[in-house]
Each structure stands twice: as C-alpha cells, then as structure tokens.
Protein backbone atom coordinates (compact mmCIF):
# COMPACT_ATOMS: atom_id res chain seq x y z
CA UNK A 1 130.10 125.40 6.93
CA UNK A 2 127.19 123.41 8.33
CA UNK A 3 127.78 121.46 11.54
CA UNK A 4 125.58 119.29 13.72
CA UNK A 5 126.41 118.91 17.41
CA UNK A 6 124.91 116.14 19.55
CA UNK A 7 124.84 116.24 23.33
CA UNK A 8 122.72 119.38 23.70
CA UNK A 9 124.35 122.27 25.61
CA UNK A 10 126.39 120.19 28.03
CA UNK A 11 129.92 120.76 29.28
CA UNK A 12 131.27 120.14 25.75
CA UNK A 13 128.33 120.96 23.51
CA UNK A 14 127.81 124.50 24.78
CA UNK A 15 131.38 125.82 24.31
CA UNK A 16 131.69 123.92 21.02
CA UNK A 17 128.44 125.23 19.54
CA UNK A 18 129.15 128.74 20.84
CA UNK A 19 132.60 128.84 19.28
CA UNK A 20 131.45 127.54 15.89
CA UNK A 21 128.47 129.92 15.83
CA UNK A 22 130.66 132.92 16.66
CA UNK A 23 132.95 131.95 13.78
CA UNK A 24 129.99 132.30 11.42
CA UNK A 25 129.16 128.65 10.79
CA UNK A 26 125.63 127.27 10.62
CA UNK A 27 125.32 125.10 13.71
CA UNK A 28 122.50 122.73 14.63
CA UNK A 29 122.40 121.40 18.18
CA UNK A 30 120.49 118.20 18.91
CA UNK A 31 118.71 118.06 22.26
CA UNK A 32 116.04 115.78 23.64
CA UNK A 33 114.79 118.62 25.85
CA UNK A 34 112.48 121.13 24.16
CA UNK A 35 113.12 123.54 27.04
CA UNK A 36 116.67 124.02 25.73
CA UNK A 37 115.45 125.45 22.40
CA UNK A 38 115.58 129.09 23.47
CA UNK A 39 119.02 128.70 25.04
CA UNK A 40 120.35 127.02 21.89
CA UNK A 41 118.98 129.80 19.69
CA UNK A 42 120.47 132.43 22.03
CA UNK A 43 123.99 131.37 21.03
CA UNK A 44 123.11 131.63 17.33
CA UNK A 45 122.49 127.95 16.68
CA UNK A 46 119.46 126.03 15.44
CA UNK A 47 117.76 123.60 17.80
CA UNK A 48 116.82 120.12 16.60
CA UNK A 49 114.61 118.57 19.27
CA UNK A 50 114.52 114.79 19.16
CA UNK A 51 116.08 111.57 20.39
CA UNK A 52 119.36 109.93 19.36
CA UNK A 53 117.39 106.69 19.55
CA UNK A 54 115.37 107.87 16.54
CA UNK A 55 117.40 107.01 13.43
CA UNK A 56 114.99 108.79 11.07
CA UNK A 57 115.28 112.00 13.10
CA UNK A 58 119.07 111.74 13.11
CA UNK A 59 119.20 111.14 9.36
CA UNK A 60 117.10 114.19 8.58
CA UNK A 61 119.10 116.35 11.00
CA UNK A 62 122.44 115.16 9.62
CA UNK A 63 121.44 115.68 6.00
CA UNK A 64 123.46 118.48 4.38
CA UNK A 65 125.98 118.72 7.21
CA UNK A 66 129.64 119.18 6.32
CA UNK A 67 130.64 117.49 9.60
CA UNK A 68 129.06 116.29 12.82
CA UNK A 69 130.11 115.87 16.44
CA UNK A 70 128.72 112.72 18.04
CA UNK A 71 128.55 111.50 21.60
CA UNK A 72 126.51 108.95 23.54
CA UNK A 73 124.46 110.88 26.11
CA UNK A 74 124.14 109.50 29.64
CA UNK A 75 121.24 107.12 30.15
CA UNK A 76 120.67 105.31 33.42
CA UNK A 77 117.29 103.74 32.74
CA UNK A 78 118.13 100.50 30.95
CA UNK A 79 119.18 97.02 32.00
CA UNK A 80 122.30 96.86 29.79
CA UNK A 81 124.12 100.20 29.62
CA UNK A 82 126.95 99.01 27.37
CA UNK A 83 124.49 97.57 24.85
CA UNK A 84 122.51 100.82 24.89
CA UNK A 85 125.64 102.86 24.14
CA UNK A 86 126.58 100.47 21.34
CA UNK A 87 123.06 100.83 19.96
CA UNK A 88 123.38 104.63 19.85
CA UNK A 89 126.58 104.11 17.87
CA UNK A 90 124.72 101.95 15.37
CA UNK A 91 122.03 104.64 15.09
CA UNK A 92 124.70 107.21 14.30
CA UNK A 93 126.27 104.93 11.68
CA UNK A 94 122.92 104.35 9.97
CA UNK A 95 122.10 108.06 9.93
CA UNK A 96 125.58 109.13 8.80
CA UNK A 97 125.45 106.63 5.96
CA UNK A 98 121.93 107.56 4.85
CA UNK A 99 122.59 111.31 5.10
CA UNK A 100 125.88 111.10 3.22
CA UNK A 101 127.99 112.79 5.92
CA UNK A 102 131.72 112.51 5.19
CA UNK A 103 133.34 113.86 8.34
CA UNK A 104 132.68 112.85 11.95
CA UNK A 105 134.32 113.81 15.24
CA UNK A 106 133.22 111.34 17.91
CA UNK A 107 133.61 111.69 21.66
CA UNK A 108 135.10 108.53 23.11
CA UNK A 109 137.17 107.88 26.22
CA UNK A 110 140.51 106.75 27.51
CA UNK A 111 140.11 103.01 27.96
CA UNK A 112 138.22 102.50 24.70
CA UNK A 113 140.81 99.91 23.71
CA UNK A 114 139.07 97.71 26.30
CA UNK A 115 136.22 95.96 24.51
CA UNK A 116 135.22 94.39 27.84
CA UNK A 117 135.56 95.08 31.57
CA UNK A 118 135.65 98.88 31.52
CA UNK A 119 132.06 99.81 32.32
CA UNK A 120 130.42 102.30 29.94
CA UNK A 121 133.74 102.86 28.18
CA UNK A 122 133.49 99.34 26.74
CA UNK A 123 130.25 100.52 25.13
CA UNK A 124 132.16 103.42 23.59
CA UNK A 125 134.68 100.89 22.28
CA UNK A 126 131.82 99.29 20.33
CA UNK A 127 130.85 102.70 18.94
CA UNK A 128 134.41 103.24 17.70
CA UNK A 129 134.44 99.85 15.96
CA UNK A 130 131.08 100.47 14.28
CA UNK A 131 132.10 103.91 13.03
CA UNK A 132 135.49 102.73 11.83
CA UNK A 133 133.75 100.17 9.62
CA UNK A 134 132.07 102.93 7.58
CA UNK A 135 133.56 103.34 4.10
CA UNK A 136 134.33 106.79 2.74
CA UNK A 137 133.83 108.62 6.04
CA UNK A 138 136.64 110.41 7.88
CA UNK A 139 136.08 109.58 11.57
CA UNK A 140 138.22 110.89 14.41
CA UNK A 141 137.60 109.62 17.93
CA UNK A 142 138.54 111.88 20.82
CA UNK A 143 139.54 109.57 23.68
CA UNK A 144 139.06 111.98 26.55
CA UNK A 145 140.36 111.67 30.09
CA UNK A 146 138.33 111.90 33.31
CA UNK A 147 136.34 115.15 33.28
CA UNK A 148 137.22 117.78 35.88
CA UNK A 149 133.49 118.40 36.21
CA UNK A 150 132.94 114.84 37.50
CA UNK A 151 134.39 115.97 40.82
CA UNK A 152 131.42 118.31 41.27
CA UNK A 153 129.43 115.17 42.06
CA UNK A 154 131.54 114.75 45.22
CA UNK A 155 130.56 118.08 46.77
CA UNK A 156 127.87 116.55 48.97
CA UNK A 157 130.27 113.90 50.22
CA UNK A 158 132.93 116.54 50.90
CA UNK A 159 130.56 118.75 52.88
CA UNK A 160 128.87 115.94 54.80
CA UNK A 161 131.76 113.53 55.43
CA UNK A 162 135.00 115.34 54.64
CA UNK A 163 136.06 112.64 52.17
CA UNK A 164 136.19 111.76 48.48
CA UNK A 165 136.06 108.06 47.65
CA UNK A 166 136.73 105.62 44.84
CA UNK A 167 137.68 101.98 44.36
CA UNK A 168 141.25 102.84 43.43
CA UNK A 169 144.30 103.96 45.35
CA UNK A 170 145.35 107.46 46.39
CA UNK A 171 148.60 107.32 44.40
CA UNK A 172 147.01 106.27 41.10
CA UNK A 173 147.95 108.61 38.26
CA UNK A 174 144.66 109.84 36.80
CA UNK A 175 144.39 111.35 33.33
CA UNK A 176 142.14 114.41 33.56
CA UNK A 177 140.57 116.78 31.09
CA UNK A 178 138.68 120.06 31.11
CA UNK A 179 135.59 119.67 28.88
CA UNK A 180 136.33 122.99 27.19
CA UNK A 181 139.69 121.63 26.04
CA UNK A 182 137.75 118.84 24.34
CA UNK A 183 135.48 121.42 22.72
CA UNK A 184 138.48 123.35 21.39
CA UNK A 185 140.03 120.24 19.84
CA UNK A 186 136.66 119.12 18.46
CA UNK A 187 136.13 122.50 16.77
CA UNK A 188 139.50 122.33 15.02
CA UNK A 189 138.86 118.73 13.92
CA UNK A 190 135.41 119.61 12.56
CA UNK A 191 136.73 122.58 10.60
CA UNK A 192 139.74 120.76 9.13
CA UNK A 193 139.62 117.02 8.57
CA UNK A 194 143.40 116.95 8.11
CA UNK A 195 143.98 118.50 11.58
CA UNK A 196 143.84 115.10 13.27
CA UNK A 197 142.98 112.82 10.38
CA UNK A 198 141.30 109.45 10.79
CA UNK A 199 141.71 107.27 13.89
CA UNK A 200 141.79 108.42 17.51
CA UNK A 201 143.50 111.03 19.66
CA UNK A 202 143.90 111.14 23.43
CA UNK A 203 142.68 114.41 24.92
CA UNK A 204 144.13 115.26 28.34
CA UNK A 205 144.61 118.52 30.22
CA UNK A 206 146.42 117.33 33.36
CA UNK A 207 147.58 114.27 35.29
CA UNK A 208 147.00 114.11 39.02
CA UNK A 209 146.66 111.44 41.72
CA UNK A 210 143.59 111.34 43.99
CA UNK A 211 145.89 112.41 46.85
CA UNK A 212 146.93 115.51 44.89
CA UNK A 213 143.33 116.22 43.86
CA UNK A 214 142.10 116.01 47.46
CA UNK A 215 144.87 118.35 48.62
CA UNK A 216 143.98 120.94 45.96
CA UNK A 217 140.24 120.76 46.58
CA UNK A 218 140.80 120.85 50.34
CA UNK A 219 142.95 123.96 50.10
CA UNK A 220 140.58 125.72 47.70
CA UNK A 221 137.49 125.03 49.82
CA UNK A 222 139.09 125.44 53.23
CA UNK A 223 138.50 121.76 54.04
CA UNK A 224 142.10 121.07 55.01
CA UNK A 225 140.98 117.84 56.69
CA UNK A 226 139.67 116.44 53.39
CA UNK A 227 140.81 112.86 52.78
CA UNK A 228 140.77 110.30 50.00
CA UNK A 229 139.24 106.99 51.08
CA UNK A 230 139.84 103.92 48.94
CA UNK A 231 136.85 101.60 48.74
CA UNK A 232 136.68 97.92 47.87
CA UNK A 233 134.60 97.12 44.81
CA UNK A 234 131.72 95.98 47.02
CA UNK A 235 131.92 99.12 49.15
CA UNK A 236 131.97 101.29 46.03
CA UNK A 237 128.99 99.47 44.54
CA UNK A 238 127.03 99.76 47.77
CA UNK A 239 127.90 103.46 48.13
CA UNK A 240 126.67 104.20 44.60
CA UNK A 241 123.41 102.38 45.31
CA UNK A 242 123.06 104.35 48.55
CA UNK A 243 123.18 107.69 46.71
CA UNK A 244 120.41 106.54 44.40
CA UNK A 245 122.14 105.22 41.29
CA UNK A 246 120.41 102.30 39.53
CA UNK A 247 122.05 98.91 40.01
CA UNK A 248 123.17 98.69 36.37
CA UNK A 249 124.82 102.12 36.53
CA UNK A 250 126.51 101.37 39.86
CA UNK A 251 127.83 98.07 38.50
CA UNK A 252 129.33 99.73 35.43
CA UNK A 253 130.95 102.57 37.36
CA UNK A 254 132.43 100.08 39.81
CA UNK A 255 133.82 98.05 36.91
CA UNK A 256 135.36 101.18 35.39
CA UNK A 257 136.99 102.06 38.72
CA UNK A 258 138.45 98.58 38.91
CA UNK A 259 139.86 99.02 35.39
CA UNK A 260 141.53 102.23 36.57
CA UNK A 261 142.92 100.48 39.63
CA UNK A 262 144.44 97.69 37.54
CA UNK A 263 146.08 100.38 35.32
CA UNK A 264 144.58 98.71 32.24
CA UNK A 265 142.18 101.57 31.51
CA UNK A 266 145.00 104.09 31.09
CA UNK A 267 147.60 101.64 29.77
CA UNK A 268 147.35 102.57 26.10
CA UNK A 269 147.44 106.29 26.91
CA UNK A 270 150.65 105.93 28.91
CA UNK A 271 152.22 103.75 26.20
CA UNK A 272 151.92 106.59 23.69
CA UNK A 273 151.94 109.48 26.24
CA UNK A 274 150.67 112.20 23.88
CA UNK A 275 151.32 115.87 24.44
CA UNK A 276 148.54 117.07 26.73
CA UNK A 277 146.11 119.78 25.70
CA UNK A 278 147.17 121.46 28.93
CA UNK A 279 145.59 124.86 28.43
CA UNK A 280 143.38 124.41 31.46
CA UNK A 281 145.17 122.76 34.38
CA UNK A 282 143.25 121.14 37.22
CA UNK A 283 144.32 124.04 39.43
CA UNK A 284 142.70 126.49 37.00
CA UNK A 285 139.40 124.63 37.52
CA UNK A 286 139.39 125.36 41.26
CA UNK A 287 137.50 128.72 41.05
CA UNK A 288 134.64 126.95 39.23
CA UNK A 289 134.70 124.14 41.79
CA UNK A 290 134.62 126.59 44.71
CA UNK A 291 131.70 128.50 43.17
CA UNK A 292 129.73 125.26 42.86
CA UNK A 293 130.78 124.23 46.37
CA UNK A 294 129.51 127.48 47.89
CA UNK A 295 126.25 127.28 45.93
CA UNK A 296 125.56 123.67 46.98
C-alpha cells in the first residue's frame, strides 16, 4: 500500500512511518525541514519536503496514496492560531479532493466537540467539520488525550523551582496518551478502513490527576518535594509569556487550560468513556522522562 504521513518524524510520525515501512508499505513522510530527509530515508520512507500551507505541493504528494495521516503542525508565528489551524484543514480538504484520496486518518484532540473556547483544539474542531463535509472519503478522527511528552516541557520548572503549574486544580482527572499508542491505532486505521470506520475515536492511555502526576515524577526524579501549583488564568498567561511564548500562543493555551478546569474539554470523553489504549501507562513513561531530565 502507499501511505502519506504528515507531521514529519515527530512523536507520532516517526513510530508510525517506521512501523508501516517495516511492514513493507511505500511510505512518504512530509516535512518542512530538508535536514530531515536523510533521517526519513533511513527508516525506509520517502521524504517529501514542502509546506502544508502549499495546496499544490500537498495535492501532488497525496496523488496515488491509498490513505493518508493528517495533522496540523504547531505554528506559533501568526496572529490567529485557531484560524491558521482551520486553514490547514481546508488545505488538506482541497488536496485530498483533487488527488482523489479515499481514506484519511486525522489527528484531532479531546475537546474537539468545542467549536469555541478551547484554544487550539477549537481550530481542530473546524478541521473535523471541513473533512467530514467531503463526499466519498472515509475520514476517521483520532481525538487524542494530553500527550505524556508535554510534561517534558516542565523539566526546567521542576529543576529550577520544584513545581509544575497549570490553571487547573490538582485533583482534576486528566486524560493522557502516549504518542506511540496513537501511532499504533493510526497504523491499524490506515491499513483497514473498517477497523474504526468513519467518525471519531478517543485515544487515551491513562487517566491521572496533576497530584498523581507530580507524585510519580517526583519519585522517579528524586524530587520528593515536587509540588503542583494551581495558577489563575492571568498568572498562567503571564507565566507563559515569561518563558517566551508569543501572546497569541499563551492566550490559546490559557483558554485550553480553563476549558480543562471547567470539565467541558473532557466532558464528551467521560460521557462515552471508551476503553483506553492502555498499552503504555504513564508510569511506563517515567524512564523516558528521567532520561530527558538528566540530560537537561
């Protein structure tokens, strides 16, 4: 089979492309970074260097593919992040339609039922709506939980201040996912359109509160004094600006945290409470976290 993977060799793209290549499929990986070409080819895939903002490039890359994996890459340079994400979705729709692709697995997020007030996830909601409007295309959205790897961004704060922070409470039940679990599900959905069918699926590996997460990270790193500190929205926004995030990005992340705090972001997930992927618990991620912590 011929597959196209967007998102370069990130936390999902690399294990997904590696798995499909090892299974003997022809895999093309889209990356905006020409320096990744050699690494992409080393796993047996073909590199397509270009931008997801270029519809013509996407169309030519998608042409002949049996199925594609789509995602909106991070972009912190614009003045309207949600609109940018929605625009990438429209680019994908145009290219999928022009190239005649019939099967799409799209990375979305828990909270994508929120068309507004959920930060970048509300942009992903617009992508879902645009893709679902395509006729004759089997689209499956993977509404993933909060990535384990996001906690790697807190290593500096842990080492320097002995805290992890967020604008939500310590006893909030968070829905978490290992990116490789997403890759495993995506591979199965790409290879068999009947595996998940059309619509969306929640992808979760574990459920933990910030208090539980802090205790596990503290034990694993030897920082037994590690604490969770709940911020107000203003404090969270100001903290994100202080570490160098653009104002638009900080505003969207703060809004997403508020959606978590209100329980609305995870509400639809908990209404249906799917069986979790569960192969990789948060505890099983601790060796990777500790390795990154020591290397920091």
